[in-house]
Amino acid sequence: MNEVTVASGIEVASLHTVLSALADPVRLEMVRRLHRERGPMACADLYDGVTKATASHHFKVLREAGITGREDVGAHTRQLLRVDDVERAYPGLLDSVISAAEREAAAPPAPTTA
């Protein structure tokens, strides 16, 4: 049986740090995917169009902000969204940001002017 270890003990950071972490489009998409899944996900399922090294950087920023955690299952690492911890620190924040991101993703692209 695989041993599961969840990295915890990191507090949710200041509001400025949390909002800065969520301001990046790649990190916001990672959080959107985690929220949609409602459980831990393999790292590779959380990003498109960036290198593994860049994704690792984004995971670190989210983890240090206290938005995500890491679950190690044997030799595999999965990311998880710390919904309850963020909700306790900043009630309604994640739901508001993710709802806005979902609306933005569903909206047709704005027309470009030349």
N, C-alpha and C. Protein backbone atom coordinates (compact mmCIF):
# COMPACT_ATOMS: atom_id res chain seq x y z
N MET A 1 0.85 -1.18 0.00
CA MET A 1 0.00 0.00 0.00
C MET A 1 0.89 1.24 0.00
N ASN A 2 0.51 2.25 -0.78
CA ASN A 2 1.28 3.49 -0.85
C ASN A 2 1.03 4.34 0.38
N GLU A 3 2.08 4.96 0.86
CA GLU A 3 1.96 5.87 1.99
C GLU A 3 1.61 7.25 1.45
N VAL A 4 0.64 7.89 2.08
CA VAL A 4 0.20 9.22 1.67
C VAL A 4 0.67 10.21 2.72
N THR A 5 1.38 11.25 2.27
CA THR A 5 1.82 12.30 3.16
C THR A 5 1.32 13.63 2.60
N VAL A 6 0.65 14.39 3.43
CA VAL A 6 0.16 15.70 3.00
C VAL A 6 1.02 16.76 3.67
N ALA A 7 1.65 17.59 2.84
CA ALA A 7 2.48 18.69 3.36
C ALA A 7 1.54 19.76 3.89
N SER A 8 1.66 20.06 5.15
CA SER A 8 0.79 21.08 5.75
C SER A 8 1.59 21.93 6.71
N GLY A 9 0.90 22.69 7.51
CA GLY A 9 1.57 23.54 8.47
C GLY A 9 1.85 24.94 7.95
N ILE A 10 1.55 25.19 6.69
CA ILE A 10 1.75 26.52 6.13
C ILE A 10 0.47 27.32 6.33
N GLU A 11 0.61 28.46 6.93
CA GLU A 11 -0.55 29.33 7.13
C GLU A 11 -0.91 30.01 5.81
N VAL A 12 -2.15 30.43 5.70
CA VAL A 12 -2.54 31.23 4.55
C VAL A 12 -1.88 32.59 4.71
N ALA A 13 -1.26 33.06 3.66
CA ALA A 13 -0.47 34.29 3.68
C ALA A 13 -1.37 35.54 3.76
N SER A 14 -0.72 36.68 3.73
CA SER A 14 -1.44 37.95 3.76
C SER A 14 -2.34 38.07 2.52
N LEU A 15 -3.33 38.92 2.62
CA LEU A 15 -4.25 39.12 1.50
C LEU A 15 -3.50 39.55 0.25
N HIS A 16 -2.55 40.44 0.39
CA HIS A 16 -1.75 40.90 -0.75
C HIS A 16 -1.04 39.73 -1.43
N THR A 17 -0.43 38.85 -0.64
CA THR A 17 0.28 37.70 -1.19
C THR A 17 -0.67 36.74 -1.89
N VAL A 18 -1.82 36.48 -1.29
CA VAL A 18 -2.81 35.58 -1.89
C VAL A 18 -3.32 36.16 -3.21
N LEU A 19 -3.68 37.43 -3.20
CA LEU A 19 -4.18 38.06 -4.43
C LEU A 19 -3.11 38.12 -5.51
N SER A 20 -1.86 38.36 -5.12
CA SER A 20 -0.76 38.37 -6.09
C SER A 20 -0.58 36.99 -6.71
N ALA A 21 -0.70 35.96 -5.89
CA ALA A 21 -0.56 34.60 -6.42
C ALA A 21 -1.69 34.29 -7.40
N LEU A 22 -2.88 34.75 -7.11
CA LEU A 22 -4.03 34.48 -7.98
C LEU A 22 -4.08 35.39 -9.20
N ALA A 23 -3.28 36.44 -9.21
CA ALA A 23 -3.30 37.40 -10.33
C ALA A 23 -2.64 36.85 -11.59
N ASP A 24 -1.79 35.86 -11.45
CA ASP A 24 -1.12 35.29 -12.61
C ASP A 24 -2.08 34.35 -13.34
N PRO A 25 -2.23 34.48 -14.67
CA PRO A 25 -3.18 33.65 -15.41
C PRO A 25 -2.89 32.14 -15.32
N VAL A 26 -1.64 31.75 -15.32
CA VAL A 26 -1.31 30.32 -15.23
C VAL A 26 -1.72 29.78 -13.86
N ARG A 27 -1.39 30.51 -12.80
CA ARG A 27 -1.74 30.06 -11.46
C ARG A 27 -3.26 30.07 -11.25
N LEU A 28 -3.93 31.07 -11.79
CA LEU A 28 -5.38 31.12 -11.67
C LEU A 28 -6.02 29.92 -12.36
N GLU A 29 -5.49 29.53 -13.51
CA GLU A 29 -6.01 28.36 -14.21
C GLU A 29 -5.75 27.09 -13.40
N MET A 30 -4.61 26.99 -12.76
CA MET A 30 -4.32 25.84 -11.90
C MET A 30 -5.35 25.75 -10.77
N VAL A 31 -5.64 26.88 -10.16
CA VAL A 31 -6.61 26.92 -9.06
C VAL A 31 -8.01 26.59 -9.58
N ARG A 32 -8.36 27.08 -10.74
CA ARG A 32 -9.67 26.77 -11.35
C ARG A 32 -9.82 25.27 -11.55
N ARG A 33 -8.78 24.64 -12.09
CA ARG A 33 -8.84 23.19 -12.33
C ARG A 33 -8.94 22.41 -11.02
N LEU A 34 -8.18 22.83 -10.02
CA LEU A 34 -8.26 22.16 -8.72
C LEU A 34 -9.65 22.31 -8.11
N HIS A 35 -10.21 23.50 -8.23
CA HIS A 35 -11.54 23.76 -7.68
C HIS A 35 -12.58 22.91 -8.39
N ARG A 36 -12.47 22.79 -9.70
CA ARG A 36 -13.41 22.00 -10.49
C ARG A 36 -13.33 20.52 -10.11
N GLU A 37 -12.13 20.03 -9.87
CA GLU A 37 -11.92 18.62 -9.54
C GLU A 37 -12.38 18.28 -8.13
N ARG A 38 -12.28 19.25 -7.22
CA ARG A 38 -12.68 19.08 -5.82
C ARG A 38 -11.88 17.98 -5.11
N GLY A 39 -10.64 17.81 -5.51
CA GLY A 39 -9.77 16.84 -4.87
C GLY A 39 -8.36 16.97 -5.41
N PRO A 40 -7.42 16.23 -4.86
CA PRO A 40 -6.04 16.30 -5.32
C PRO A 40 -5.91 15.90 -6.79
N MET A 41 -4.99 16.56 -7.49
CA MET A 41 -4.76 16.28 -8.90
C MET A 41 -3.27 16.12 -9.17
N ALA A 42 -2.97 15.32 -10.17
CA ALA A 42 -1.60 15.19 -10.62
C ALA A 42 -1.13 16.53 -11.16
N CYS A 43 0.10 16.85 -10.89
CA CYS A 43 0.65 18.15 -11.31
C CYS A 43 0.49 18.38 -12.81
N ALA A 44 0.78 17.36 -13.60
CA ALA A 44 0.74 17.50 -15.07
C ALA A 44 -0.65 17.83 -15.60
N ASP A 45 -1.69 17.55 -14.82
CA ASP A 45 -3.06 17.84 -15.25
C ASP A 45 -3.47 19.27 -14.98
N LEU A 46 -2.59 20.05 -14.39
CA LEU A 46 -2.95 21.40 -13.96
C LEU A 46 -2.43 22.51 -14.86
N TYR A 47 -1.67 22.17 -15.88
CA TYR A 47 -1.13 23.24 -16.72
C TYR A 47 -0.98 22.78 -18.17
N ASP A 48 -1.00 23.77 -19.05
CA ASP A 48 -0.75 23.60 -20.48
C ASP A 48 0.11 24.77 -20.92
N GLY A 49 0.99 24.53 -21.86
CA GLY A 49 1.71 25.63 -22.48
C GLY A 49 2.86 26.22 -21.69
N VAL A 50 3.26 25.59 -20.58
CA VAL A 50 4.44 26.04 -19.84
C VAL A 50 5.32 24.82 -19.58
N THR A 51 6.58 25.07 -19.33
CA THR A 51 7.49 23.97 -19.05
C THR A 51 7.25 23.43 -17.64
N LYS A 52 7.78 22.26 -17.40
CA LYS A 52 7.66 21.65 -16.07
C LYS A 52 8.33 22.54 -15.01
N ALA A 53 9.46 23.14 -15.37
CA ALA A 53 10.17 24.03 -14.43
C ALA A 53 9.32 25.26 -14.10
N THR A 54 8.68 25.82 -15.10
CA THR A 54 7.81 26.98 -14.88
C THR A 54 6.61 26.59 -14.02
N ALA A 55 6.02 25.43 -14.32
CA ALA A 55 4.89 24.95 -13.52
C ALA A 55 5.32 24.75 -12.07
N SER A 56 6.51 24.21 -11.85
CA SER A 56 7.01 24.01 -10.48
C SER A 56 7.10 25.33 -9.74
N HIS A 57 7.56 26.36 -10.44
CA HIS A 57 7.62 27.70 -9.84
C HIS A 57 6.23 28.16 -9.43
N HIS A 58 5.25 27.99 -10.32
CA HIS A 58 3.88 28.41 -10.02
C HIS A 58 3.31 27.62 -8.84
N PHE A 59 3.59 26.31 -8.78
CA PHE A 59 3.13 25.50 -7.64
C PHE A 59 3.71 26.04 -6.34
N LYS A 60 4.98 26.42 -6.38
CA LYS A 60 5.65 26.94 -5.18
C LYS A 60 5.01 28.25 -4.72
N VAL A 61 4.72 29.14 -5.65
CA VAL A 61 4.08 30.42 -5.30
C VAL A 61 2.72 30.17 -4.65
N LEU A 62 1.93 29.28 -5.23
CA LEU A 62 0.61 28.97 -4.68
C LEU A 62 0.73 28.32 -3.30
N ARG A 63 1.69 27.43 -3.15
CA ARG A 63 1.89 26.74 -1.87
C ARG A 63 2.34 27.72 -0.80
N GLU A 64 3.30 28.61 -1.14
CA GLU A 64 3.79 29.58 -0.17
C GLU A 64 2.73 30.60 0.22
N ALA A 65 1.77 30.84 -0.66
CA ALA A 65 0.66 31.74 -0.33
C ALA A 65 -0.37 31.02 0.54
N GLY A 66 -0.24 29.71 0.66
CA GLY A 66 -1.18 28.94 1.47
C GLY A 66 -2.45 28.55 0.72
N ILE A 67 -2.46 28.73 -0.59
CA ILE A 67 -3.64 28.43 -1.40
C ILE A 67 -3.72 26.94 -1.71
N THR A 68 -2.58 26.33 -1.94
CA THR A 68 -2.54 24.91 -2.26
C THR A 68 -1.65 24.16 -1.29
N GLY A 69 -1.79 22.86 -1.31
CA GLY A 69 -0.93 21.98 -0.55
C GLY A 69 -0.45 20.88 -1.47
N ARG A 70 0.42 20.06 -0.95
CA ARG A 70 1.00 18.98 -1.74
C ARG A 70 0.71 17.66 -1.04
N GLU A 71 0.32 16.68 -1.82
CA GLU A 71 0.08 15.35 -1.30
C GLU A 71 1.04 14.40 -2.00
N ASP A 72 1.88 13.76 -1.22
CA ASP A 72 2.83 12.80 -1.78
C ASP A 72 2.28 11.40 -1.59
N VAL A 73 2.11 10.69 -2.69
CA VAL A 73 1.64 9.31 -2.67
C VAL A 73 2.74 8.47 -3.30
N GLY A 74 3.52 7.81 -2.45
CA GLY A 74 4.66 7.07 -2.96
C GLY A 74 5.62 8.04 -3.64
N ALA A 75 5.91 7.78 -4.91
CA ALA A 75 6.82 8.64 -5.67
C ALA A 75 6.09 9.74 -6.43
N HIS A 76 4.78 9.83 -6.28
CA HIS A 76 3.99 10.80 -7.04
C HIS A 76 3.53 11.93 -6.14
N THR A 77 3.49 13.12 -6.71
CA THR A 77 3.02 14.31 -5.99
C THR A 77 1.75 14.80 -6.65
N ARG A 78 0.76 15.11 -5.82
CA ARG A 78 -0.47 15.70 -6.31
C ARG A 78 -0.69 17.02 -5.58
N GLN A 79 -1.33 17.93 -6.25
CA GLN A 79 -1.65 19.23 -5.68
C GLN A 79 -3.09 19.21 -5.17
N LEU A 80 -3.34 19.95 -4.10
CA LEU A 80 -4.71 20.07 -3.60
C LEU A 80 -4.98 21.50 -3.20
N LEU A 81 -6.21 21.90 -3.38
CA LEU A 81 -6.65 23.26 -3.05
C LEU A 81 -7.07 23.30 -1.58
N ARG A 82 -6.55 24.23 -0.84
CA ARG A 82 -6.84 24.36 0.60
C ARG A 82 -8.05 25.27 0.80
N VAL A 83 -9.17 24.83 0.28
CA VAL A 83 -10.39 25.64 0.29
C VAL A 83 -10.77 26.07 1.70
N ASP A 84 -10.82 25.13 2.63
CA ASP A 84 -11.27 25.45 3.99
C ASP A 84 -10.34 26.45 4.68
N ASP A 85 -9.03 26.28 4.50
CA ASP A 85 -8.07 27.19 5.12
C ASP A 85 -8.19 28.60 4.55
N VAL A 86 -8.30 28.70 3.23
CA VAL A 86 -8.42 30.02 2.60
C VAL A 86 -9.75 30.66 2.99
N GLU A 87 -10.80 29.84 3.04
CA GLU A 87 -12.13 30.36 3.41
C GLU A 87 -12.11 30.91 4.84
N ARG A 88 -11.42 30.22 5.74
CA ARG A 88 -11.33 30.71 7.13
C ARG A 88 -10.58 32.05 7.19
N ALA A 89 -9.53 32.16 6.39
CA ALA A 89 -8.72 33.39 6.41
C ALA A 89 -9.42 34.54 5.69
N TYR A 90 -10.03 34.24 4.55
CA TYR A 90 -10.65 35.27 3.71
C TYR A 90 -11.98 34.76 3.18
N PRO A 91 -13.04 34.85 3.99
CA PRO A 91 -14.34 34.30 3.60
C PRO A 91 -14.83 34.82 2.25
N GLY A 92 -15.19 33.88 1.38
CA GLY A 92 -15.75 34.22 0.08
C GLY A 92 -14.74 34.55 -1.00
N LEU A 93 -13.48 34.69 -0.65
CA LEU A 93 -12.48 35.12 -1.63
C LEU A 93 -12.32 34.13 -2.79
N LEU A 94 -12.05 32.87 -2.46
CA LEU A 94 -11.82 31.89 -3.53
C LEU A 94 -13.04 31.75 -4.42
N ASP A 95 -14.22 31.64 -3.82
CA ASP A 95 -15.44 31.50 -4.63
C ASP A 95 -15.61 32.69 -5.57
N SER A 96 -15.36 33.89 -5.07
CA SER A 96 -15.51 35.09 -5.89
C SER A 96 -14.51 35.12 -7.04
N VAL A 97 -13.26 34.83 -6.73
CA VAL A 97 -12.22 34.87 -7.76
C VAL A 97 -12.44 33.78 -8.80
N ILE A 98 -12.78 32.58 -8.34
CA ILE A 98 -12.98 31.47 -9.28
C ILE A 98 -14.23 31.70 -10.12
N SER A 99 -15.30 32.22 -9.53
CA SER A 99 -16.51 32.53 -10.29
C SER A 99 -16.22 33.55 -11.38
N ALA A 100 -15.46 34.58 -11.03
CA ALA A 100 -15.11 35.61 -12.02
C ALA A 100 -14.24 35.01 -13.12
N ALA A 101 -13.30 34.14 -12.75
CA ALA A 101 -12.44 33.50 -13.75
C ALA A 101 -13.24 32.59 -14.67
N GLU A 102 -14.23 31.89 -14.12
CA GLU A 102 -15.08 31.02 -14.94
C GLU A 102 -15.89 31.86 -15.93
N ARG A 103 -16.45 32.98 -15.46
CA ARG A 103 -17.21 33.86 -16.36
C ARG A 103 -16.31 34.41 -17.46
N GLU A 104 -15.11 34.81 -17.09
CA GLU A 104 -14.17 35.36 -18.07
C GLU A 104 -13.77 34.30 -19.10
N ALA A 105 -13.56 33.09 -18.65
CA ALA A 105 -13.16 32.01 -19.57
C ALA A 105 -14.30 31.65 -20.52
N ALA A 106 -15.55 31.80 -20.08
CA ALA A 106 -16.69 31.45 -20.90
C ALA A 106 -17.09 32.57 -21.86
N ALA A 107 -16.62 33.77 -21.61
CA ALA A 107 -17.01 34.93 -22.44
C ALA A 107 -16.32 34.86 -23.80
N PRO A 108 -17.01 35.29 -24.83
CA PRO A 108 -16.37 35.32 -26.15
C PRO A 108 -15.22 36.33 -26.13
N PRO A 109 -14.19 36.08 -26.93
CA PRO A 109 -13.06 37.01 -26.96
C PRO A 109 -13.51 38.40 -27.44
N ALA A 110 -12.89 39.40 -26.85
CA ALA A 110 -13.21 40.77 -27.24
C ALA A 110 -12.71 41.03 -28.65
N PRO A 111 -13.47 41.76 -29.42
CA PRO A 111 -13.04 42.07 -30.79
C PRO A 111 -11.77 42.92 -30.77
N THR A 112 -10.90 42.67 -31.70
CA THR A 112 -9.68 43.47 -31.79
C THR A 112 -9.86 44.53 -32.85
N THR A 113 -9.25 45.66 -32.62
CA THR A 113 -9.31 46.75 -33.59
C THR A 113 -7.93 46.91 -34.20
N ALA A 114 -7.91 47.13 -35.46
CA ALA A 114 -6.61 47.27 -36.15
C ALA A 114 -6.35 48.66 -36.57
